[in-house]
Amino acid sequence: MGKVFPAGLKVVLDEPTGVGPDLVYVSAARMHHMRRDGYYGPPDLVVEILSSKPQLDRILKLSKYAQAGVAHYWIVDPEERVLDVYRLEGGRYSRVIELRDQAVFTPELFPGLAIELRELWV
């Protein structure tokens, strides 16, 4: 299907804009954008885990990823135990779902996968 990359992968969205997401998923069909020094172009999915500057992920990165054409964006808030799932529609993100605590997440991007959120919070 594709490959998941942990933090540390440089993602270049356009010439002046490079970001370092917490998790990145790139489908097999898009792997041709991978170079020795990072991934060039919008990946299929970016996951950010909130830290001390949540406005960076919720506002600035959300806008950058949408403008670049990243189709799926998930924001994980371990402190509040919340997963926000966004999908790009018409150049803007729409929140698909907000899941809390013990919910089970079945992402449309990965049919058949079920993620028990309680496993994320330990």
C-alpha atoms as a PDB file:
ATOM      1  CA  MET A   1       0.000   0.000   0.000  1.00  0.00           C
ATOM      2  CA  GLY A   2       2.720   2.445   0.958  1.00  0.00           C
ATOM      3  CA  LYS A   3       5.098   3.401   3.743  1.00  0.00           C
ATOM      4  CA  VAL A   4       4.895   5.223   7.086  1.00  0.00           C
ATOM      5  CA  PHE A   5       7.782   7.468   8.086  1.00  0.00           C
ATOM      6  CA  PRO A   6       8.395   8.662  11.662  1.00  0.00           C
ATOM      7  CA  ALA A   7       9.540  12.145  12.676  1.00  0.00           C
ATOM      8  CA  GLY A   8      12.744  13.179  11.006  1.00  0.00           C
ATOM      9  CA  LEU A   9      11.650  12.860   7.379  1.00  0.00           C
ATOM     10  CA  LYS A  10      12.036  16.198   5.622  1.00  0.00           C
ATOM     11  CA  VAL A  11       8.917  16.981   3.600  1.00  0.00           C
ATOM     12  CA  VAL A  12       9.293  19.732   0.998  1.00  0.00           C
ATOM     13  CA  LEU A  13       5.893  21.123   0.072  1.00  0.00           C
ATOM     14  CA  ASP A  14       7.279  23.782  -2.277  1.00  0.00           C
ATOM     15  CA  GLU A  15      10.679  25.390  -2.810  1.00  0.00           C
ATOM     16  CA  PRO A  16      10.759  27.673   0.253  1.00  0.00           C
ATOM     17  CA  THR A  17       8.635  25.460   2.514  1.00  0.00           C
ATOM     18  CA  GLY A  18       9.977  22.374   4.223  1.00  0.00           C
ATOM     19  CA  VAL A  19       8.314  20.794   7.256  1.00  0.00           C
ATOM     20  CA  GLY A  20       9.071  17.940   9.625  1.00  0.00           C
ATOM     21  CA  PRO A  21       5.796  16.179  10.505  1.00  0.00           C
ATOM     22  CA  ASP A  22       5.586  13.668  13.357  1.00  0.00           C
ATOM     23  CA  LEU A  23       4.318  10.900  11.032  1.00  0.00           C
ATOM     24  CA  VAL A  24       3.978  10.751   7.272  1.00  0.00           C
ATOM     25  CA  TYR A  25       2.255   8.166   5.083  1.00  0.00           C
ATOM     26  CA  VAL A  26       3.135   7.945   1.400  1.00  0.00           C
ATOM     27  CA  SER A  27       1.224   5.578  -0.863  1.00  0.00           C
ATOM     28  CA  ALA A  28       3.125   3.323  -3.244  1.00  0.00           C
ATOM     29  CA  ALA A  29       1.786   5.386  -6.148  1.00  0.00           C
ATOM     30  CA  ARG A  30       3.466   8.527  -4.768  1.00  0.00           C
ATOM     31  CA  MET A  31       6.825   7.046  -3.716  1.00  0.00           C
ATOM     32  CA  HIS A  32       8.451   8.454  -6.864  1.00  0.00           C
ATOM     33  CA  HIS A  33       8.578  11.813  -5.013  1.00  0.00           C
ATOM     34  CA  MET A  34      11.043  10.337  -2.478  1.00  0.00           C
ATOM     35  CA  ARG A  35      14.640  11.499  -2.783  1.00  0.00           C
ATOM     36  CA  ARG A  36      17.753  10.820  -0.735  1.00  0.00           C
ATOM     37  CA  ASP A  37      17.240  13.960   1.325  1.00  0.00           C
ATOM     38  CA  GLY A  38      13.466  13.751   1.857  1.00  0.00           C
ATOM     39  CA  TYR A  39      10.047  13.662   0.267  1.00  0.00           C
ATOM     40  CA  TYR A  40       9.132  16.316  -2.311  1.00  0.00           C
ATOM     41  CA  GLY A  41       5.452  17.084  -2.744  1.00  0.00           C
ATOM     42  CA  PRO A  42       2.316  16.502  -0.706  1.00  0.00           C
ATOM     43  CA  PRO A  43       2.198  13.103   1.027  1.00  0.00           C
ATOM     44  CA  ASP A  44      -1.101  11.236   1.348  1.00  0.00           C
ATOM     45  CA  LEU A  45      -1.299  11.709   5.125  1.00  0.00           C
ATOM     46  CA  VAL A  46       0.404  13.883   7.719  1.00  0.00           C
ATOM     47  CA  VAL A  47      -0.014  13.285  11.460  1.00  0.00           C
ATOM     48  CA  GLU A  48       0.994  15.908  14.022  1.00  0.00           C
ATOM     49  CA  ILE A  49       1.150  15.236  17.751  1.00  0.00           C
ATOM     50  CA  LEU A  50       0.430  18.389  19.730  1.00  0.00           C
ATOM     51  CA  SER A  51       3.122  19.703  22.010  1.00  0.00           C
ATOM     52  CA  SER A  52       3.785  23.029  23.707  1.00  0.00           C
ATOM     53  CA  LYS A  53       2.651  25.109  20.689  1.00  0.00           C
ATOM     54  CA  PRO A  54      -0.719  23.672  19.584  1.00  0.00           C
ATOM     55  CA  GLN A  55      -1.558  26.738  17.470  1.00  0.00           C
ATOM     56  CA  LEU A  56       1.350  25.783  15.205  1.00  0.00           C
ATOM     57  CA  ASP A  57      -0.344  22.471  14.275  1.00  0.00           C
ATOM     58  CA  ARG A  58      -3.965  23.666  14.428  1.00  0.00           C
ATOM     59  CA  ILE A  59      -3.517  26.868  12.423  1.00  0.00           C
ATOM     60  CA  LEU A  60      -0.188  27.329  10.652  1.00  0.00           C
ATOM     61  CA  LYS A  61       0.552  23.734   9.609  1.00  0.00           C
ATOM     62  CA  LEU A  62      -3.114  23.038   8.857  1.00  0.00           C
ATOM     63  CA  SER A  63      -3.070  25.938   6.397  1.00  0.00           C
ATOM     64  CA  LYS A  64       0.283  24.957   4.850  1.00  0.00           C
ATOM     65  CA  TYR A  65      -0.744  21.328   4.380  1.00  0.00           C
ATOM     66  CA  ALA A  66      -4.063  22.325   2.807  1.00  0.00           C
ATOM     67  CA  GLN A  67      -2.379  24.766   0.396  1.00  0.00           C
ATOM     68  CA  ALA A  68       0.134  22.072  -0.582  1.00  0.00           C
ATOM     69  CA  GLY A  69      -2.604  19.512  -1.284  1.00  0.00           C
ATOM     70  CA  VAL A  70      -2.046  17.005   1.544  1.00  0.00           C
ATOM     71  CA  ALA A  71      -5.253  14.951   1.304  1.00  0.00           C
ATOM     72  CA  HIS A  72      -5.453  13.760   4.925  1.00  0.00           C
ATOM     73  CA  TYR A  73      -4.337  15.491   8.128  1.00  0.00           C
ATOM     74  CA  TRP A  74      -4.693  14.063  11.624  1.00  0.00           C
ATOM     75  CA  ILE A  75      -3.961  15.977  14.828  1.00  0.00           C
ATOM     76  CA  VAL A  76      -3.340  13.931  17.973  1.00  0.00           C
ATOM     77  CA  ASP A  77      -3.739  15.668  21.339  1.00  0.00           C
ATOM     78  CA  PRO A  78      -2.407  13.242  23.959  1.00  0.00           C
ATOM     79  CA  GLU A  79      -3.096  15.596  26.858  1.00  0.00           C
ATOM     80  CA  GLU A  80      -6.807  15.927  26.059  1.00  0.00           C
ATOM     81  CA  ARG A  81      -6.984  12.421  24.544  1.00  0.00           C
ATOM     82  CA  VAL A  82      -8.451  13.669  21.271  1.00  0.00           C
ATOM     83  CA  LEU A  83      -7.855  12.757  17.635  1.00  0.00           C
ATOM     84  CA  ASP A  84      -9.043  15.270  15.025  1.00  0.00           C
ATOM     85  CA  VAL A  85      -9.311  13.874  11.502  1.00  0.00           C
ATOM     86  CA  TYR A  86      -9.350  16.223   8.508  1.00  0.00           C
ATOM     87  CA  ARG A  87      -9.854  15.611   4.787  1.00  0.00           C
ATOM     88  CA  LEU A  88      -8.982  18.059   2.025  1.00  0.00           C
ATOM     89  CA  GLU A  89     -12.083  19.172   0.107  1.00  0.00           C
ATOM     90  CA  GLY A  90     -11.988  21.979  -2.417  1.00  0.00           C
ATOM     91  CA  GLY A  91      -8.592  23.206  -1.217  1.00  0.00           C
ATOM     92  CA  ARG A  92      -9.638  23.422   2.450  1.00  0.00           C
ATOM     93  CA  TYR A  93      -9.753  20.958   5.300  1.00  0.00           C
ATOM     94  CA  SER A  94     -13.066  19.712   6.604  1.00  0.00           C
ATOM     95  CA  ARG A  95     -13.087  17.956   9.940  1.00  0.00           C
ATOM     96  CA  VAL A  96     -14.320  14.442   9.281  1.00  0.00           C
ATOM     97  CA  ILE A  97     -14.517  13.409  12.919  1.00  0.00           C
ATOM     98  CA  GLU A  98     -13.257  14.194  16.397  1.00  0.00           C
ATOM     99  CA  LEU A  99     -12.636  11.110  18.487  1.00  0.00           C
ATOM    100  CA  ARG A 100     -12.038  11.017  22.239  1.00  0.00           C
ATOM    101  CA  ASP A 101     -10.696   8.693  24.926  1.00  0.00           C
ATOM    102  CA  GLN A 102     -11.731   5.090  24.272  1.00  0.00           C
ATOM    103  CA  ALA A 103     -13.086   5.439  20.730  1.00  0.00           C
ATOM    104  CA  VAL A 104     -12.090   3.107  17.908  1.00  0.00           C
ATOM    105  CA  PHE A 105     -10.903   4.878  14.775  1.00  0.00           C
ATOM    106  CA  THR A 106     -11.454   3.226  11.391  1.00  0.00           C
ATOM    107  CA  PRO A 107      -9.677   5.512   8.894  1.00  0.00           C
ATOM    108  CA  GLU A 108     -11.090   5.711   5.385  1.00  0.00           C
ATOM    109  CA  LEU A 109      -7.549   5.836   4.033  1.00  0.00           C
ATOM    110  CA  PHE A 110      -6.811   2.341   5.395  1.00  0.00           C
ATOM    111  CA  PRO A 111      -9.835   0.047   4.905  1.00  0.00           C
ATOM    112  CA  GLY A 112      -9.978  -2.736   7.478  1.00  0.00           C
ATOM    113  CA  LEU A 113      -7.761  -0.948  10.007  1.00  0.00           C
ATOM    114  CA  ALA A 114      -9.168  -0.259  13.481  1.00  0.00           C
ATOM    115  CA  ILE A 115      -7.133   1.873  15.891  1.00  0.00           C
ATOM    116  CA  GLU A 116      -8.133   1.669  19.545  1.00  0.00           C
ATOM    117  CA  LEU A 117      -7.342   5.135  20.839  1.00  0.00           C
ATOM    118  CA  ARG A 118      -6.855   3.964  24.415  1.00  0.00           C
ATOM    119  CA  GLU A 119      -3.659   2.315  23.148  1.00  0.00           C
ATOM    120  CA  LEU A 120      -2.338   5.737  22.107  1.00  0.00           C
ATOM    121  CA  TRP A 121      -2.755   7.339  25.510  1.00  0.00           C
ATOM    122  CA  VAL A 122      -0.618   4.895  27.540  1.00  0.00           C
END
